Amino acid sequence: MNVLPSAALALLVPLIVSAFSSWPSPKPKIQKSSFGVTAEGQPVDLYLLTNGKGMSVAITNYGGTVVSLKVPDRSGNPADVVLGYDTVGDYAAGKSYFGASIGRYGNRIAHGKFKLGRETYTLPNNDGDNTLHGGIIGFNKKVWSAQVIPSDDASVLELTYLSKDGEEGFPGNLTAKVTFTLPQNRNELKIDYSATTDKDTVTNLTNHSYFNLAGEGSGDILGHRLKLNASHYTPVDTTLIPTGQIPEVKNSPFDFLKSTVIGARINDDNQQLTFGKGYDHNWVLDRNAGSSSLEVAAEAYEPKSGRVLEVLTTEPGVQFYTGNFLDGAHGKGNKPYAFRSGFCLETQHFPDSPNHDNFPSTVLKAGTSTHSSTVFRFSTK
């Protein structure tokens, strides 16, 4: 038997290792499966995005909805950290907007009216006297067109929806695109929003995922810690419409400039907390002047699992909502979603901006486009 001399073997081993290391890593893949059909008989699909770091995201083209998002805890054990349903029928019947892409206008518009130029537009009121999240049948109840975008280092899913002129009272044919990107080597979900219109309109796109970093259906979120990079917020009236004021959060239960337990002050005797039944307000982010880049907006931490969620965005505001209207109705796996069992960090422009000249504008001019990005980044500590 011929045996290589040790000196030759020492030279050969690095060459073998180098050859193997130069092989291309497997390209990211997206698995597509049926998610059922709508009541109208329209097929709906589910897309599973996975990476090499233990993270997976399932997205349906019904409502552009994040159905599940699994990330590991500090011991490497994965759990689904977003609330949701098991079937498209449940999403169609649901009223909580779990995981949905929200449009044409995320959040509230007072009295369902706004003025644009010389025209006053009237929208359907689906939240008392106000319009919420696009109206009676918003983007969260629509079937979007889906396309898998080839990429060597990420799983990329692009969803497109054409909102026709006059839909839910909004002017203009608006083409909205929401692109979900899961990098192969980072545990983060990037969401890019873009829109174009053929007539002046207003738009405010966001995602409405409810997070529980201990795992969905595992109790309330009051023990989570939260930090918001926001020195101001927009207080609301009894119907949760902003008053137009932008006060400092200092010396109030709305001060999350330092990491604070969510439940520490949520039941304080405070008029704003009474109006929202807890936190359901827009925070004005402390962004660098003139910047359009991604900047850190929030960080949430769940001590038992060690999971950390960092939110970066190009948007000027974030709506922090503590699931105050969850009532124990059952979600995935027939788990009850009780009061305050999930929280939302909806990156967006401010609520009711079309009716407040001192808020950043949400007007999209005919023939122009808008674009924003948000990243949900996960880690442990």
Protein backbone atom coordinates (compact mmCIF):
# COMPACT_ATOMS: atom_id res chain seq x y z
CA MET A 1 0.00 0.00 0.00
CA ASN A 2 1.33 3.41 -1.02
CA VAL A 3 1.31 6.00 1.77
CA LEU A 4 1.92 9.67 1.18
CA PRO A 5 4.85 11.12 3.09
CA SER A 6 3.77 13.36 5.94
CA ALA A 7 5.30 16.38 4.25
CA ALA A 8 3.28 15.79 1.08
CA LEU A 9 0.13 15.21 3.12
CA ALA A 10 0.68 18.49 4.96
CA LEU A 11 0.78 20.27 1.61
CA LEU A 12 -2.27 18.44 0.24
CA VAL A 13 -4.69 19.03 3.14
CA PRO A 14 -4.87 22.84 2.72
CA LEU A 15 -5.54 22.36 -0.99
CA ILE A 16 -8.45 19.99 -0.27
CA VAL A 17 -9.91 22.35 2.33
CA SER A 18 -9.55 25.28 -0.07
CA ALA A 19 -11.31 23.36 -2.84
CA PHE A 20 -14.28 22.52 -0.65
CA SER A 21 -14.54 26.04 0.78
CA SER A 22 -14.62 27.49 -2.74
CA TRP A 23 -17.71 25.47 -3.64
CA PRO A 24 -20.74 27.75 -3.87
CA SER A 25 -23.13 27.52 -0.93
CA PRO A 26 -26.66 26.33 -1.73
CA LYS A 27 -28.78 29.09 -3.22
CA PRO A 28 -31.68 30.28 -1.11
CA LYS A 29 -34.96 28.62 -1.98
CA ILE A 30 -38.59 29.57 -1.51
CA GLN A 31 -41.11 26.76 -1.10
CA LYS A 32 -44.56 27.45 -2.53
CA SER A 33 -47.67 25.59 -1.41
CA SER A 34 -51.44 26.04 -1.49
CA PHE A 35 -53.03 28.02 1.33
CA GLY A 36 -56.57 27.26 0.18
CA VAL A 37 -59.11 29.36 -1.72
CA THR A 38 -61.11 32.45 -0.89
CA ALA A 39 -64.89 32.40 -0.51
CA GLU A 40 -65.00 33.65 -4.10
CA GLY A 41 -62.97 30.64 -5.25
CA GLN A 42 -59.69 32.48 -5.81
CA PRO A 43 -56.61 30.32 -5.11
CA VAL A 44 -54.24 31.55 -2.42
CA ASP A 45 -50.61 30.49 -1.94
CA LEU A 46 -48.16 30.26 0.94
CA TYR A 47 -44.45 30.98 0.46
CA LEU A 48 -41.87 29.66 2.93
CA LEU A 49 -38.59 31.58 3.11
CA THR A 50 -35.72 30.02 5.07
CA ASN A 51 -32.09 30.90 5.71
CA GLY A 52 -28.98 29.24 7.08
CA LYS A 53 -29.26 30.82 10.54
CA GLY A 54 -32.37 29.04 11.80
CA MET A 55 -34.94 31.64 10.72
CA SER A 56 -37.98 31.01 8.56
CA VAL A 57 -40.86 33.21 7.41
CA ALA A 58 -44.14 32.06 5.86
CA ILE A 59 -45.99 34.66 3.77
CA THR A 60 -49.30 34.35 1.98
CA ASN A 61 -50.34 36.47 -0.98
CA TYR A 62 -53.72 36.89 0.73
CA GLY A 63 -53.29 40.33 2.24
CA GLY A 64 -49.50 40.20 1.83
CA THR A 65 -49.58 38.55 5.23
CA VAL A 66 -46.74 37.25 7.41
CA VAL A 67 -48.32 34.00 8.66
CA SER A 68 -45.40 32.76 10.74
CA LEU A 69 -41.92 33.93 11.69
CA LYS A 70 -39.68 31.47 13.48
CA VAL A 71 -36.44 32.46 15.18
CA PRO A 72 -34.25 30.69 17.77
CA ASP A 73 -34.00 31.62 21.44
CA ARG A 74 -30.71 31.92 23.33
CA SER A 75 -30.50 28.10 23.50
CA GLY A 76 -31.10 27.72 19.78
CA ASN A 77 -34.71 26.55 20.10
CA PRO A 78 -36.95 28.08 17.41
CA ALA A 79 -40.43 29.45 18.07
CA ASP A 80 -43.03 31.27 16.03
CA VAL A 81 -43.08 34.86 17.34
CA VAL A 82 -46.01 36.34 15.38
CA LEU A 83 -49.73 35.92 15.97
CA GLY A 84 -51.91 34.64 13.15
CA TYR A 85 -54.26 32.00 11.80
CA ASP A 86 -54.00 28.57 10.19
CA THR A 87 -56.36 29.13 7.22
CA VAL A 88 -57.18 31.75 4.64
CA GLY A 89 -60.79 31.62 5.81
CA ASP A 90 -59.74 32.73 9.27
CA TYR A 91 -57.76 35.64 7.81
CA ALA A 92 -60.77 36.63 5.68
CA ALA A 93 -63.01 36.66 8.76
CA GLY A 94 -60.45 38.16 11.14
CA LYS A 95 -60.61 41.76 12.30
CA SER A 96 -57.18 42.13 13.95
CA TYR A 97 -55.05 42.54 10.78
CA PHE A 98 -52.59 39.84 11.95
CA GLY A 99 -49.38 40.14 9.90
CA ALA A 100 -51.05 41.97 7.02
CA SER A 101 -49.76 44.48 4.51
CA ILE A 102 -51.87 47.55 5.23
CA GLY A 103 -53.12 50.04 2.66
CA ARG A 104 -54.08 52.17 0.94
CA TYR A 105 -53.69 54.18 4.13
CA GLY A 106 -52.38 52.57 7.31
CA ASN A 107 -53.89 53.82 10.58
CA ARG A 108 -56.79 56.26 10.92
CA ILE A 109 -58.27 59.09 8.87
CA ALA A 110 -60.65 61.33 10.82
CA HIS A 111 -64.32 61.16 9.85
CA GLY A 112 -63.35 59.28 6.69
CA LYS A 113 -62.59 62.53 4.87
CA PHE A 114 -59.60 64.39 3.50
CA LYS A 115 -59.02 67.21 1.05
CA LEU A 116 -56.59 67.01 -1.84
CA GLY A 117 -56.34 70.10 -4.00
CA ARG A 118 -59.88 71.34 -4.50
CA GLU A 119 -61.45 67.92 -4.02
CA THR A 120 -62.77 66.46 -0.79
CA TYR A 121 -62.76 62.66 -0.71
CA THR A 122 -65.08 60.58 1.42
CA LEU A 123 -64.07 57.09 2.60
CA PRO A 124 -66.15 54.40 4.30
CA ASN A 125 -66.06 54.58 8.09
CA ASN A 126 -65.08 51.22 9.58
CA ASP A 127 -63.82 52.41 12.98
CA GLY A 128 -66.60 54.40 14.55
CA ASP A 129 -66.67 57.74 12.74
CA ASN A 130 -63.21 57.14 11.23
CA THR A 131 -61.55 55.13 8.48
CA LEU A 132 -59.00 52.56 9.68
CA HIS A 133 -56.34 50.71 7.66
CA GLY A 134 -57.75 51.46 4.23
CA GLY A 135 -61.46 51.02 4.80
CA ILE A 136 -63.92 48.15 4.87
CA ILE A 137 -61.96 45.99 2.41
CA GLY A 138 -58.36 47.13 2.65
CA PHE A 139 -55.24 45.64 1.12
CA ASN A 140 -55.24 43.03 3.91
CA LYS A 141 -58.31 41.39 2.31
CA LYS A 142 -56.97 41.32 -1.26
CA VAL A 143 -55.15 38.58 -3.18
CA TRP A 144 -51.82 39.98 -4.37
CA SER A 145 -49.80 38.84 -7.38
CA ALA A 146 -46.61 37.08 -6.27
CA GLN A 147 -43.21 36.71 -7.89
CA VAL A 148 -40.08 35.02 -6.54
CA ILE A 149 -37.07 37.23 -7.29
CA PRO A 150 -33.83 35.30 -7.98
CA SER A 151 -31.00 36.08 -5.57
CA ASP A 152 -27.73 34.37 -4.63
CA ASP A 153 -27.70 35.47 -1.00
CA ALA A 154 -31.33 35.93 0.04
CA SER A 155 -34.87 34.66 -0.36
CA VAL A 156 -36.89 37.41 -2.03
CA LEU A 157 -40.66 37.51 -2.57
CA GLU A 158 -42.33 40.43 -4.37
CA LEU A 159 -46.07 41.03 -4.03
CA THR A 160 -48.01 43.45 -6.24
CA TYR A 161 -51.53 44.82 -5.99
CA LEU A 162 -53.39 47.29 -8.22
CA SER A 163 -55.83 49.39 -6.24
CA LYS A 164 -58.18 50.90 -8.78
CA ASP A 165 -59.32 54.52 -8.87
CA GLY A 166 -62.15 54.98 -6.38
CA GLU A 167 -61.49 51.80 -4.40
CA GLU A 168 -62.63 52.48 -0.82
CA GLY A 169 -63.04 56.11 -1.89
CA PHE A 170 -59.36 56.80 -2.64
CA PRO A 171 -58.43 58.56 -5.89
CA GLY A 172 -56.07 57.18 -8.52
CA ASN A 173 -55.02 53.80 -9.84
CA LEU A 174 -52.33 52.93 -7.31
CA THR A 175 -49.88 50.09 -7.93
CA ALA A 176 -48.42 48.91 -4.63
CA LYS A 177 -45.45 46.58 -4.27
CA VAL A 178 -44.27 44.93 -1.07
CA THR A 179 -40.98 43.02 -1.23
CA PHE A 180 -39.95 40.62 1.54
CA THR A 181 -36.24 39.75 1.80
CA LEU A 182 -34.73 37.14 4.13
CA PRO A 183 -30.90 37.18 3.90
CA GLN A 184 -29.17 33.81 3.88
CA ASN A 185 -26.72 34.75 6.63
CA ARG A 186 -28.64 37.22 8.83
CA ASN A 187 -31.76 36.74 10.92
CA GLU A 188 -33.72 39.70 9.66
CA LEU A 189 -36.76 40.31 7.51
CA LYS A 190 -36.56 43.38 5.30
CA ILE A 191 -39.79 44.78 3.90
CA ASP A 192 -39.65 47.30 1.04
CA TYR A 193 -42.77 49.23 0.12
CA SER A 194 -43.25 51.15 -3.11
CA ALA A 195 -46.20 52.70 -4.91
CA THR A 196 -47.04 54.65 -8.06
CA THR A 197 -50.25 56.41 -9.04
CA ASP A 198 -51.85 58.03 -12.10
CA LYS A 199 -53.75 60.61 -10.02
CA ASP A 200 -52.83 62.58 -6.92
CA THR A 201 -53.67 60.45 -3.87
CA VAL A 202 -52.56 59.64 -0.33
CA THR A 203 -50.88 56.45 0.78
CA ASN A 204 -49.32 55.04 3.94
CA LEU A 205 -48.16 51.42 3.66
CA THR A 206 -47.09 49.32 6.65
CA ASN A 207 -47.07 45.81 8.10
CA HIS A 208 -49.32 44.84 11.01
CA SER A 209 -47.50 41.89 12.59
CA TYR A 210 -48.21 41.22 16.26
CA PHE A 211 -45.10 40.01 18.07
CA ASN A 212 -44.67 37.90 21.17
CA LEU A 213 -40.97 37.07 21.51
CA ALA A 214 -41.72 34.28 23.97
CA GLY A 215 -43.73 32.59 21.22
CA GLU A 216 -47.23 33.29 19.93
CA GLY A 217 -50.00 32.12 22.23
CA SER A 218 -47.70 31.97 25.26
CA GLY A 219 -49.26 34.69 27.41
CA ASP A 220 -49.15 38.47 27.55
CA ILE A 221 -46.31 40.73 26.46
CA LEU A 222 -46.22 42.94 29.54
CA GLY A 223 -42.88 41.52 30.70
CA HIS A 224 -41.11 42.41 27.46
CA ARG A 225 -38.75 45.37 27.61
CA LEU A 226 -39.02 48.09 24.95
CA LYS A 227 -36.89 50.98 23.83
CA LEU A 228 -38.21 53.56 21.36
CA ASN A 229 -35.89 56.07 19.72
CA ALA A 230 -38.51 58.81 19.99
CA SER A 231 -38.57 61.95 22.14
CA HIS A 232 -42.08 62.97 21.00
CA TYR A 233 -45.41 61.36 20.25
CA THR A 234 -48.80 62.35 18.84
CA PRO A 235 -51.55 62.31 21.50
CA VAL A 236 -55.08 61.40 20.42
CA ASP A 237 -58.70 62.21 21.14
CA THR A 238 -61.32 59.76 22.40
CA THR A 239 -61.58 58.17 18.92
CA LEU A 240 -57.77 57.74 18.65
CA ILE A 241 -57.36 60.52 16.09
CA PRO A 242 -54.25 62.71 16.66
CA THR A 243 -54.97 66.13 18.10
CA GLY A 244 -52.18 67.67 16.01
CA GLN A 245 -49.98 68.33 19.01
CA ILE A 246 -46.49 66.77 19.20
CA PRO A 247 -45.41 66.92 22.87
CA GLU A 248 -42.30 65.44 24.45
CA VAL A 249 -42.58 62.02 26.07
CA LYS A 250 -40.55 63.22 29.07
CA ASN A 251 -42.20 62.68 32.45
CA SER A 252 -44.98 60.56 30.95
CA PRO A 253 -45.78 56.84 30.53
CA PHE A 254 -44.82 57.31 26.87
CA ASP A 255 -41.11 57.71 27.62
CA PHE A 256 -39.35 54.61 26.26
CA LEU A 257 -36.07 56.35 25.48
CA LYS A 258 -34.50 53.88 27.92
CA SER A 259 -35.39 50.20 27.85
CA THR A 260 -38.52 49.85 29.98
CA VAL A 261 -40.84 46.97 30.87
CA ILE A 262 -43.96 47.37 28.71
CA GLY A 263 -46.28 46.68 31.61
CA ALA A 264 -44.57 49.04 34.06
CA ARG A 265 -46.86 52.03 33.40
CA ILE A 266 -49.51 50.72 31.02
CA ASN A 267 -52.23 50.91 33.68
CA ASP A 268 -51.29 54.36 34.98
CA ASP A 269 -54.03 56.90 35.57
CA ASN A 270 -53.37 58.73 32.31
CA GLN A 271 -55.99 60.07 29.91
CA GLN A 272 -54.10 58.95 26.82
CA LEU A 273 -53.79 55.39 28.13
CA THR A 274 -57.50 55.42 28.92
CA PHE A 275 -58.34 56.51 25.36
CA GLY A 276 -56.22 53.71 23.86
CA LYS A 277 -56.99 51.08 26.52
CA GLY A 278 -53.22 50.96 26.79
CA TYR A 279 -50.61 51.94 24.22
CA ASP A 280 -52.04 52.58 20.74
CA HIS A 281 -50.16 55.69 19.70
CA ASN A 282 -47.75 57.02 17.12
CA TRP A 283 -44.23 57.93 18.24
CA VAL A 284 -42.25 60.56 16.33
CA LEU A 285 -38.86 59.02 15.65
CA ASP A 286 -35.64 60.89 16.42
CA ARG A 287 -34.22 60.68 12.92
CA ASN A 288 -31.13 62.41 11.59
CA ALA A 289 -32.17 65.59 9.80
CA GLY A 290 -32.61 65.04 6.08
CA SER A 291 -31.78 61.34 6.29
CA SER A 292 -33.62 58.81 4.15
CA SER A 293 -31.56 55.85 5.36
CA LEU A 294 -32.57 53.01 7.63
CA GLU A 295 -32.27 54.10 11.26
CA VAL A 296 -33.01 52.25 14.50
CA ALA A 297 -36.55 52.94 15.68
CA ALA A 298 -37.12 50.36 18.41
CA GLU A 299 -35.70 47.42 20.33
CA ALA A 300 -37.78 44.82 22.17
CA TYR A 301 -36.36 42.16 24.49
CA GLU A 302 -37.99 39.14 26.10
CA PRO A 303 -35.91 38.10 29.14
CA LYS A 304 -36.92 34.43 29.45
CA SER A 305 -36.16 33.43 25.85
CA GLY A 306 -33.43 36.01 25.36
CA ARG A 307 -34.90 37.02 22.00
CA VAL A 308 -34.25 40.55 20.82
CA LEU A 309 -36.16 42.35 18.05
CA GLU A 310 -34.58 45.46 16.59
CA VAL A 311 -36.64 47.56 14.19
CA LEU A 312 -34.97 49.81 11.63
CA THR A 313 -36.91 52.02 9.24
CA THR A 314 -36.83 54.92 6.83
CA GLU A 315 -40.26 56.06 8.08
CA PRO A 316 -40.80 59.09 10.37
CA GLY A 317 -43.05 57.31 12.88
CA VAL A 318 -43.94 54.04 14.54
CA GLN A 319 -47.30 53.01 15.96
CA PHE A 320 -46.75 51.02 19.16
CA TYR A 321 -49.85 48.98 19.96
CA THR A 322 -50.19 46.52 22.83
CA GLY A 323 -53.01 44.30 21.61
CA ASN A 324 -55.60 46.06 23.73
CA PHE A 325 -58.50 44.80 21.62
CA LEU A 326 -57.47 41.12 21.60
CA ASP A 327 -60.26 39.26 23.36
CA GLY A 328 -59.22 35.62 23.64
CA ALA A 329 -60.33 34.54 20.16
CA HIS A 330 -58.33 31.56 18.94
CA GLY A 331 -55.44 31.78 16.50
CA LYS A 332 -52.86 29.31 15.21
CA GLY A 333 -53.08 25.83 16.69
CA ASN A 334 -56.35 26.86 18.36
CA LYS A 335 -54.39 28.94 20.88
CA PRO A 336 -56.35 31.76 22.55
CA TYR A 337 -54.96 35.22 21.92
CA ALA A 338 -55.85 37.03 25.10
CA PHE A 339 -55.79 40.72 25.98
CA ARG A 340 -52.31 42.16 25.36
CA SER A 341 -50.81 38.89 24.13
CA GLY A 342 -49.03 40.59 21.23
CA PHE A 343 -47.54 43.98 20.39
CA CYS A 344 -47.17 45.83 17.10
CA LEU A 345 -44.46 48.19 15.91
CA GLU A 346 -46.01 49.58 12.74
CA THR A 347 -43.48 51.77 10.94
CA GLN A 348 -45.34 54.46 9.02
CA HIS A 349 -46.21 58.10 8.45
CA PHE A 350 -48.43 59.61 11.10
CA PRO A 351 -52.14 58.80 11.50
CA ASP A 352 -54.55 61.27 9.87
CA SER A 353 -51.68 63.09 8.14
CA PRO A 354 -53.89 64.26 5.24
CA ASN A 355 -55.78 66.41 7.76
CA HIS A 356 -52.71 67.86 9.56
CA ASP A 357 -50.46 70.28 7.69
CA ASN A 358 -47.81 70.03 10.43
CA PHE A 359 -47.38 66.26 9.90
CA PRO A 360 -45.07 64.76 7.24
CA SER A 361 -47.03 64.61 3.99
CA THR A 362 -48.51 61.34 2.71
CA VAL A 363 -49.52 62.83 -0.65
CA LEU A 364 -48.35 60.88 -3.69
CA LYS A 365 -48.45 62.95 -6.86
CA ALA A 366 -49.56 61.54 -10.19
CA GLY A 367 -46.70 60.02 -12.17
CA THR A 368 -44.38 59.85 -9.15
CA SER A 369 -43.43 57.01 -6.84
CA THR A 370 -42.81 56.49 -3.15
CA HIS A 371 -40.52 54.02 -1.41
CA SER A 372 -39.82 53.06 2.19
CA SER A 373 -38.04 50.23 3.98
CA THR A 374 -38.28 48.51 7.34
CA VAL A 375 -36.09 45.78 8.82
CA PHE A 376 -37.10 43.42 11.64
CA ARG A 377 -33.75 42.14 12.96
CA PHE A 378 -33.57 39.25 15.45
CA SER A 379 -30.83 38.20 17.85
CA THR A 380 -30.46 36.89 21.41
CA LYS A 381 -28.77 37.92 24.63
